[in-house]
Structures are given as C-alpha cells and as structure tokens.
Protein backbone atom coordinates (compact mmCIF):
# COMPACT_ATOMS: atom_id res chain seq x y z
CA MET A 1 169.86 12.09 -23.72
CA THR A 2 167.75 13.36 -20.87
CA ARG A 3 164.04 13.39 -21.05
CA LEU A 4 161.56 15.26 -18.83
CA VAL A 5 158.87 12.90 -17.57
CA ALA A 6 155.90 14.61 -15.95
CA PHE A 7 153.30 12.62 -14.05
CA ASP A 8 149.96 13.56 -12.80
CA PHE A 9 149.36 12.27 -9.21
CA ASP A 10 145.82 11.47 -8.24
CA GLY A 11 144.50 8.77 -10.60
CA THR A 12 147.95 8.27 -12.14
CA LEU A 13 150.89 7.77 -9.71
CA SER A 14 148.30 7.09 -7.00
CA ASP A 15 144.85 5.56 -7.14
CA SER A 16 144.00 7.65 -4.14
CA GLU A 17 141.94 10.87 -4.48
CA MET A 18 143.22 13.27 -1.90
CA THR A 19 140.13 15.46 -1.74
CA VAL A 20 137.93 12.38 -1.17
CA LEU A 21 140.22 11.25 1.64
CA LEU A 22 140.00 14.66 3.21
CA GLY A 23 136.29 14.72 2.63
CA GLU A 24 135.86 11.47 4.50
CA ARG A 25 137.29 13.21 7.57
CA CYS A 26 134.40 15.71 7.58
CA GLY A 27 131.59 13.71 6.04
CA VAL A 28 131.58 15.17 2.55
CA ALA A 29 133.35 12.42 0.59
CA GLU A 30 130.38 11.74 -1.67
CA GLU A 31 130.04 15.37 -2.62
CA MET A 32 133.77 15.51 -3.25
CA ALA A 33 133.76 12.49 -5.50
CA ASP A 34 130.95 13.91 -7.51
CA ILE A 35 132.67 17.21 -8.08
CA THR A 36 135.93 15.42 -8.95
CA GLU A 37 134.29 13.21 -11.49
CA ARG A 38 132.57 16.07 -13.26
CA ALA A 39 135.89 17.92 -13.41
CA MET A 40 137.90 14.90 -14.67
CA ASN A 41 135.27 14.38 -17.44
CA ASP A 42 135.61 18.09 -18.40
CA GLU A 43 132.00 19.00 -17.33
CA LEU A 44 133.27 21.55 -14.83
CA SER A 45 136.31 23.82 -14.99
CA TYR A 46 139.19 22.41 -12.78
CA ALA A 47 139.66 25.75 -10.95
CA GLU A 48 135.92 25.89 -10.05
CA SER A 49 135.85 22.26 -8.99
CA LEU A 50 138.90 22.71 -6.78
CA ARG A 51 137.57 25.76 -5.08
CA LYS A 52 134.18 23.98 -4.49
CA ARG A 53 136.05 20.99 -2.89
CA ALA A 54 138.26 23.14 -0.77
CA ALA A 55 135.28 25.01 0.53
CA LEU A 56 133.75 21.74 1.70
CA LEU A 57 136.77 21.27 3.90
CA GLU A 58 136.50 24.51 5.85
CA HIS A 59 137.26 24.01 9.50
CA LEU A 60 138.71 20.53 9.11
CA GLU A 61 141.33 20.15 11.86
CA GLU A 62 144.94 20.14 10.72
CA GLU A 63 145.58 16.70 12.45
CA ASP A 64 142.68 15.22 10.49
CA ALA A 65 144.09 16.62 7.29
CA GLU A 66 147.47 15.07 8.05
CA ALA A 67 145.87 11.76 8.81
CA ALA A 68 144.20 11.88 5.43
CA TYR A 69 147.49 12.63 3.67
CA GLY A 70 148.90 9.66 5.54
CA GLU A 71 146.42 7.47 3.67
CA VAL A 72 147.66 8.46 0.24
CA GLU A 73 149.65 5.67 -1.40
CA LEU A 74 151.53 5.16 -4.70
CA ARG A 75 150.31 2.55 -7.10
CA GLU A 76 152.04 -0.76 -7.12
CA GLY A 77 155.20 -0.40 -9.27
CA ALA A 78 155.16 3.38 -9.30
CA ALA A 79 158.20 3.80 -7.05
CA ASP A 80 160.20 1.41 -9.27
CA VAL A 81 159.35 3.26 -12.43
CA ILE A 82 160.33 6.58 -10.84
CA GLU A 83 163.64 5.13 -9.52
CA ARG A 84 164.49 3.61 -12.89
CA LEU A 85 163.78 6.93 -14.80
CA ARG A 86 166.06 8.84 -12.42
CA GLU A 87 168.79 6.23 -12.58
CA ARG A 88 168.81 6.75 -16.39
CA GLY A 89 169.33 10.49 -15.74
CA HIS A 90 165.80 11.65 -16.71
CA TYR A 91 164.21 14.54 -14.82
CA VAL A 92 161.04 13.44 -13.15
CA ALA A 93 158.35 15.87 -12.06
CA VAL A 94 154.92 15.63 -10.51
CA PHE A 95 152.31 18.15 -11.68
CA THR A 96 149.15 17.91 -9.63
CA GLY A 97 146.17 19.94 -8.70
CA GLY A 98 146.22 18.00 -5.57
CA PHE A 99 148.14 18.89 -2.46
CA GLU A 100 151.88 18.94 -1.99
CA ARG A 101 151.78 17.54 1.56
CA GLY A 102 149.89 14.39 0.43
CA VAL A 103 152.29 13.88 -2.57
CA ALA A 104 155.41 14.31 -0.46
CA ALA A 105 154.08 12.01 2.28
CA ALA A 106 153.21 9.19 -0.20
CA LEU A 107 156.57 9.41 -1.95
CA GLU A 108 158.50 9.41 1.32
CA ARG A 109 156.59 6.27 2.55
CA ALA A 110 157.34 4.48 -0.72
CA GLY A 111 161.05 5.47 -0.58
CA ALA A 112 160.73 7.35 -3.86
CA GLU A 113 162.17 10.74 -4.81
CA VAL A 114 161.25 12.99 -7.70
CA ASP A 115 163.13 16.06 -8.95
CA GLU A 116 160.28 18.54 -8.65
CA ILE A 117 156.71 18.68 -7.29
CA VAL A 118 154.37 21.30 -8.58
CA ALA A 119 151.22 21.17 -6.47
CA ASN A 120 148.62 23.22 -4.57
CA ARG A 121 148.16 23.91 -0.92
CA LEU A 122 145.28 24.06 1.61
CA PRO A 123 146.05 26.95 3.90
CA ILE A 124 145.71 26.52 7.62
CA GLU A 125 144.76 29.10 10.31
CA GLY A 126 144.34 28.38 13.98
CA GLY A 127 144.94 24.65 13.46
CA ARG A 128 142.10 24.26 10.86
CA LEU A 129 141.72 24.44 7.12
CA THR A 130 140.43 27.79 5.94
CA GLY A 131 138.41 26.51 3.02
CA GLU A 132 140.65 28.22 0.59
CA VAL A 133 143.12 26.80 -1.86
CA GLU A 134 146.29 28.33 -3.23
CA GLY A 135 149.03 27.31 -5.65
CA PRO A 136 150.23 27.26 -9.28
CA LEU A 137 147.78 24.64 -10.58
CA ILE A 138 144.45 26.31 -9.89
CA GLU A 139 144.22 28.72 -12.80
CA GLY A 140 147.63 27.73 -14.13
CA THR A 141 147.86 24.77 -16.47
CA LYS A 142 150.17 21.83 -16.75
CA ASP A 143 151.31 22.66 -20.27
CA GLU A 144 152.78 25.94 -18.80
CA GLN A 145 154.59 23.92 -16.19
CA LEU A 146 155.90 21.39 -18.71
CA GLU A 147 157.25 24.13 -20.89
CA ARG A 148 158.77 25.96 -18.10
CA VAL A 149 160.63 22.86 -16.69
CA ALA A 150 161.66 21.80 -20.12
CA ASP A 151 163.20 25.19 -20.77
CA GLU A 152 164.95 25.23 -17.35
CA GLN A 153 166.34 21.79 -17.86
CA GLY A 154 167.34 22.33 -21.52
CA VAL A 155 165.04 19.52 -22.77
CA PRO A 156 163.36 20.08 -26.11
CA MET A 157 159.63 19.60 -26.02
CA SER A 158 159.94 16.65 -28.44
CA ARG A 159 161.74 14.80 -25.61
CA THR A 160 159.05 15.43 -22.98
CA VAL A 161 156.81 12.73 -21.72
CA ALA A 162 153.38 13.44 -19.96
CA VAL A 163 151.44 10.79 -18.11
CA GLY A 164 147.90 11.58 -16.87
CA ASP A 165 144.25 10.54 -16.78
CA GLY A 166 141.93 13.55 -16.30
CA ALA A 167 140.73 16.69 -18.09
CA ASN A 168 143.27 18.86 -16.25
CA ASP A 169 146.07 16.76 -17.73
CA LEU A 170 144.89 17.55 -21.33
CA PRO A 171 147.02 20.68 -21.71
CA MET A 172 150.26 18.87 -20.98
CA LEU A 173 149.22 15.72 -22.97
CA GLU A 174 148.51 17.89 -25.98
CA VAL A 175 152.01 19.49 -26.06
CA ALA A 176 154.23 16.59 -24.82
CA GLY A 177 156.48 14.65 -27.17
CA LEU A 178 154.87 11.52 -25.81
CA ALA A 179 151.44 11.57 -24.26
CA VAL A 180 150.58 8.57 -22.16
CA GLY A 181 147.02 8.06 -20.78
CA TYR A 182 146.90 6.08 -17.54
CA GLU A 183 143.38 4.56 -17.64
CA PRO A 184 142.33 7.91 -19.06
CA LYS A 185 138.80 9.31 -18.84
CA PRO A 186 136.82 9.10 -22.20
CA ALA A 187 137.30 12.85 -22.85
CA VAL A 188 141.07 12.52 -22.45
CA GLU A 189 141.87 9.32 -24.43
CA PRO A 190 141.79 10.90 -27.88
CA SER A 191 144.63 13.23 -26.91
CA CYS A 192 146.90 10.29 -25.87
CA HIS A 193 149.47 8.66 -28.11
CA VAL A 194 149.17 5.44 -26.08
CA VAL A 195 147.19 4.14 -23.12
CA VAL A 196 148.36 1.90 -20.26
CA GLU A 197 146.50 0.24 -17.42
CA SER A 198 149.30 -0.47 -14.96
CA MET A 199 152.69 0.73 -13.90
CA PHE A 200 154.12 -2.52 -15.35
CA GLU A 201 152.66 -1.64 -18.73
CA LEU A 202 154.08 1.82 -18.36
CA ALA A 203 157.54 0.53 -17.66
CA GLU A 204 157.21 -1.73 -20.74
CA LEU A 205 156.18 1.17 -22.85
CA PHE A 206 159.15 3.22 -21.61
CA GLU A 207 161.43 0.30 -22.51
CA ASP A 208 159.88 0.07 -26.03
CA GLU A 209 160.36 3.79 -26.53
CA GLY A 210 164.00 3.65 -25.38
CA VAL A 211 163.24 5.86 -22.28
CA LEU A 212 164.23 2.82 -20.11
CA VAL A 213 166.47 -0.16 -20.66
CA GLY A 214 164.63 -3.45 -20.03
CA HIS A 215 165.40 -5.08 -16.68
CA GLY A 216 167.24 -7.86 -18.62
CA GLY A 217 168.95 -5.38 -20.93
CA ALA A 218 172.51 -3.95 -20.74
C-alpha cells in the first residue's frame, strides 16, 4: 500500500544550507548561519528568521543566486533512497522553507525525481533579488502540507512518513505516522520516533519498517 514520504531538504536530503550559500555571494554568510541556527533550535520563529535572511540578500544579482543554487548537493545515498521509494510506488514529497530553484537544481544534477516540491521563492526584479521572500512555507507549516498531500493522494495519516532535522519540521514530525529525525537538533529529537545519521541508515530503517524491500530481498 502506498505511503506518503515527506522530506525536509536543507539539513536532511542535503547537507547544504541554501541561505548560507547565497549569503557567501554577498558577504553575509556568518550572519545567515547564526539566524539559521537560532531558528532550527526554536529560539526564533521560522517566518521571522526567513524574512531576516532574505533581507540580507537584497540586491544580490540573479546570476550569483543561480551560482549558489548550483552548489546545492544531495547527501550521499539520498538519490538512491528516493528512487527506491518511488519504485515501490510511494509518493515522495519535499517540504522546505528553502528555495525551489535550489532543490530542483540539486535533484536534477543527482538524476533524482520527486512527486512534489513545496518550497519558497526569492523574487527577482531587474536582475537582482528584492530582499523579499514568498511561498507556502513562510507562515504556513509542514503539517498542513502533509495533511493536504495525504488527503489528495488518499493516504491515511497513519501511513505518512516525515523526515526532518529542525524546528520547522516539528509540525509534520508530530503528526506523521512515522517521524524520523535526521541528525535532529536537540529541541527536535524528542518528537522523533527514531533517529538516523546517514541515508544508508535511513534505507535500513525503511527496510525494517516494510517501506522498502532490502536490496537482497525479493
């Protein structure tokens, strides 16, 4: 029976942090990293942190933004896990407060495809970032997206899987049938059913849970 498997992106499918990569292009990476860390540890609301980070990127040229997106990479083994999930007929989604262009670029380079990406955007005017951010995961939360997609795909919530690491993943981790922490932050770990530290561990967990058949299995 089909499951819905929802992944966070930055810190989960990828060990890149998109806003930091963007910040490096205009000399504000350190400030970006500090804001990100505070948000992931639940010391700052995610919406506030995202707006603060986007504001630091005002006037960054579009070509520099694209170059930063080009540095985003999937973790080792992530493309294989995604491919195996989809081969089994599961619906794979990415829910991220990060940016759709970076997610899409990284997936394409890795030869990976997902069924749905829910992400934010950094608007561009006159060839430069405006310093604004727009999208469904600024004020909106990942539990809302998990419930929406589960309903659309006819998957009961008991058969949903959420994989994440930071505070903005808490809403989906708290409602998913299986909540997996990927090297989760201390504030997040108590809400996880299980914790993994690599994509290989994640694949093994999915095999143990019957989500995937083992590579040696029938």
